[in-house]
């Protein structure tokens, strides 16, 4: 930990530019209403992470400041923040974060949310750090017999299943 870091800081990887990733002290995530604080025991790298690392952008979207990459990860609940999850629950994560307020969300068409955010895409930081805060609706408790690697691969599996459907 750097001398300037506070005890509440977390470690994480941040992309500063093309082929420039640094391990740094990051602020503790602040919980908003309906969000849950998670420990991130494992992340995987997606092709989108590699595009940003090698080219500085993905699909024409680039960050103008250092950012935390990765959206495929496992999570363990640290602070349930008055949700139905218990501390210590392992969860799979949907990195697509709907607003919950627009007309599409009101029709339960969350994937078509007019204000959809996505982990590791502006303005949302990613999961390549020790802790993240995410809305409860993006978290899915998983069976106890799944390991962290299997949990992190649930998101790409869901993408593949959706493509086949």
Protein backbone atom coordinates (compact mmCIF):
# COMPACT_ATOMS: atom_id res chain seq x y z
CA UNK A 1 0.00 0.00 0.00
CA UNK A 2 1.37 3.41 -0.87
CA UNK A 3 2.12 5.81 2.00
CA UNK A 4 -0.74 8.09 0.88
CA UNK A 5 -3.29 5.25 0.80
CA UNK A 6 -5.89 5.00 3.53
CA UNK A 7 -6.69 1.74 5.27
CA UNK A 8 -10.11 1.71 3.54
CA UNK A 9 -8.56 1.81 0.06
CA UNK A 10 -8.68 -1.25 -2.16
CA UNK A 11 -6.16 -2.46 -4.70
CA UNK A 12 -7.08 -2.62 -8.34
CA UNK A 13 -5.75 -2.53 -11.89
CA UNK A 14 -6.32 0.63 -13.91
CA UNK A 15 -5.72 1.15 -17.60
CA UNK A 16 -3.95 4.47 -18.20
CA UNK A 17 -3.43 4.08 -21.94
CA UNK A 18 -2.55 1.60 -24.64
CA UNK A 19 -0.55 -1.25 -23.04
CA UNK A 20 -0.35 0.74 -19.79
CA UNK A 21 -1.97 -1.05 -16.83
CA UNK A 22 -1.01 -0.19 -13.26
CA UNK A 23 -1.89 -1.73 -9.90
CA UNK A 24 -3.07 1.14 -7.70
CA UNK A 25 -4.83 2.06 -4.48
CA UNK A 26 -8.46 2.91 -5.25
CA UNK A 27 -11.13 4.43 -3.03
CA UNK A 28 -13.56 2.15 -1.24
CA UNK A 29 -16.75 1.88 -3.32
CA UNK A 30 -19.60 3.97 -1.93
CA UNK A 31 -22.94 2.19 -1.76
CA UNK A 32 -26.00 3.84 -3.26
CA UNK A 33 -29.56 2.77 -2.50
CA UNK A 34 -30.16 -0.77 -3.77
CA UNK A 35 -26.46 -1.51 -4.27
CA UNK A 36 -24.48 -4.33 -2.67
CA UNK A 37 -20.77 -4.26 -1.78
CA UNK A 38 -18.93 -7.26 -3.20
CA UNK A 39 -15.49 -8.75 -2.80
CA UNK A 40 -14.16 -9.74 -6.23
CA UNK A 41 -12.17 -12.96 -5.80
CA UNK A 42 -11.67 -13.62 -9.53
CA UNK A 43 -12.06 -11.89 -12.90
CA UNK A 44 -11.56 -13.18 -16.41
CA UNK A 45 -10.47 -11.17 -19.42
CA UNK A 46 -12.88 -10.66 -22.27
CA UNK A 47 -11.92 -9.81 -25.84
CA UNK A 48 -13.29 -6.31 -25.16
CA UNK A 49 -10.70 -5.89 -22.37
CA UNK A 50 -7.96 -6.91 -24.80
CA UNK A 51 -9.19 -4.44 -27.46
CA UNK A 52 -9.03 -1.59 -24.95
CA UNK A 53 -5.59 -2.72 -23.71
CA UNK A 54 -4.14 -3.07 -27.24
CA UNK A 55 -6.03 -0.28 -29.09
CA UNK A 56 -7.34 2.07 -26.43
CA UNK A 57 -10.98 1.64 -27.46
CA UNK A 58 -13.74 -0.83 -28.24
CA UNK A 59 -16.39 -0.13 -30.85
CA UNK A 60 -15.40 3.53 -30.95
CA UNK A 61 -15.78 3.94 -27.16
CA UNK A 62 -12.69 5.08 -25.28
CA UNK A 63 -12.06 6.31 -21.77
CA UNK A 64 -10.67 9.80 -21.33
CA UNK A 65 -9.17 8.93 -17.94
CA UNK A 66 -7.69 5.91 -16.15
CA UNK A 67 -10.27 3.18 -15.57
CA UNK A 68 -10.69 -0.25 -14.03
CA UNK A 69 -11.27 -2.93 -16.71
CA UNK A 70 -13.13 -6.28 -16.67
CA UNK A 71 -16.78 -7.24 -16.44
CA UNK A 72 -16.61 -11.04 -16.18
CA UNK A 73 -16.19 -11.85 -12.49
CA UNK A 74 -17.31 -13.70 -9.40
CA UNK A 75 -18.59 -11.84 -6.37
CA UNK A 76 -18.96 -12.50 -2.64
CA UNK A 77 -21.34 -10.27 -0.67
CA UNK A 78 -19.52 -8.12 1.90
CA UNK A 79 -22.33 -5.65 2.68
CA UNK A 80 -25.87 -6.57 1.56
CA UNK A 81 -27.06 -2.97 2.24
CA UNK A 82 -30.61 -3.92 3.30
CA UNK A 83 -31.21 -6.28 0.35
CA UNK A 84 -32.31 -9.91 0.50
CA UNK A 85 -28.73 -11.20 0.11
CA UNK A 86 -26.75 -12.46 3.07
CA UNK A 87 -23.13 -11.58 3.79
CA UNK A 88 -20.89 -14.29 2.31
CA UNK A 89 -23.29 -15.21 -0.52
CA UNK A 90 -21.50 -16.02 -3.79
CA UNK A 91 -23.08 -14.32 -6.79
CA UNK A 92 -22.86 -14.29 -10.54
CA UNK A 93 -22.94 -10.83 -12.06
CA UNK A 94 -24.81 -9.36 -15.01
CA UNK A 95 -22.52 -6.49 -16.11
CA UNK A 96 -25.38 -4.71 -17.92
CA UNK A 97 -26.83 -2.21 -15.46
CA UNK A 98 -30.29 -0.87 -16.36
CA UNK A 99 -31.62 2.37 -14.89
CA UNK A 100 -34.83 0.74 -13.65
CA UNK A 101 -36.80 3.92 -14.41
CA UNK A 102 -37.24 4.33 -18.17
CA UNK A 103 -40.17 3.02 -20.23
CA UNK A 104 -38.25 -0.08 -21.33
CA UNK A 105 -37.33 -0.96 -17.75
CA UNK A 106 -40.97 -0.43 -16.73
CA UNK A 107 -41.87 -3.10 -19.33
CA UNK A 108 -39.16 -5.44 -17.90
CA UNK A 109 -37.13 -4.99 -21.10
CA UNK A 110 -33.99 -4.27 -19.08
CA UNK A 111 -31.64 -5.20 -21.94
CA UNK A 112 -33.21 -2.35 -23.94
CA UNK A 113 -32.88 0.22 -21.16
CA UNK A 114 -32.52 3.72 -22.58
CA UNK A 115 -29.85 4.55 -19.99
CA UNK A 116 -28.06 1.19 -19.80
CA UNK A 117 -24.60 1.23 -18.25
CA UNK A 118 -22.08 -1.58 -18.62
CA UNK A 119 -19.24 -2.48 -16.29
CA UNK A 120 -15.84 -1.36 -17.62
CA UNK A 121 -17.44 1.04 -20.12
CA UNK A 122 -17.84 4.80 -19.53
CA UNK A 123 -19.02 5.93 -17.02
CA UNK A 124 -18.88 2.60 -15.06
CA UNK A 125 -15.65 1.24 -13.63
CA UNK A 126 -14.97 -2.49 -14.02
CA UNK A 127 -14.28 -5.37 -11.67
CA UNK A 128 -10.49 -5.82 -11.77
CA UNK A 129 -10.22 -4.66 -8.18
CA UNK A 130 -10.81 -6.06 -4.72
CA UNK A 131 -14.31 -4.60 -4.20
CA UNK A 132 -17.17 -3.29 -6.32
CA UNK A 133 -20.66 -1.93 -5.61
CA UNK A 134 -23.44 -3.08 -7.93
CA UNK A 135 -27.24 -2.92 -7.97
CA UNK A 136 -28.95 -5.94 -6.40
CA UNK A 137 -30.88 -6.61 -9.63
CA UNK A 138 -27.55 -7.46 -11.36
CA UNK A 139 -26.57 -10.12 -8.81
CA UNK A 140 -27.60 -13.78 -8.91
CA UNK A 141 -26.90 -16.16 -6.02
CA UNK A 142 -25.19 -19.34 -7.27
CA UNK A 143 -25.01 -22.91 -5.92
CA UNK A 144 -22.33 -23.57 -3.31
CA UNK A 145 -20.60 -26.18 -5.47
CA UNK A 146 -19.50 -23.67 -8.16
CA UNK A 147 -15.95 -22.36 -7.86
CA UNK A 148 -15.02 -18.74 -8.54
CA UNK A 149 -13.78 -19.53 -12.07
CA UNK A 150 -17.08 -21.15 -12.98
CA UNK A 151 -19.01 -18.21 -11.50
CA UNK A 152 -16.98 -15.70 -13.53
CA UNK A 153 -17.71 -17.68 -16.71
CA UNK A 154 -21.50 -17.50 -16.22
CA UNK A 155 -21.66 -14.15 -18.04
CA UNK A 156 -19.95 -15.35 -21.26
CA UNK A 157 -22.04 -18.54 -21.05
CA UNK A 158 -25.21 -16.41 -20.90
CA UNK A 159 -24.03 -14.47 -23.97
CA UNK A 160 -23.49 -17.74 -25.86
CA UNK A 161 -26.91 -19.11 -24.83
CA UNK A 162 -28.57 -15.83 -25.88
CA UNK A 163 -26.80 -15.99 -29.26
CA UNK A 164 -28.05 -19.56 -29.82
CA UNK A 165 -31.60 -18.60 -28.90
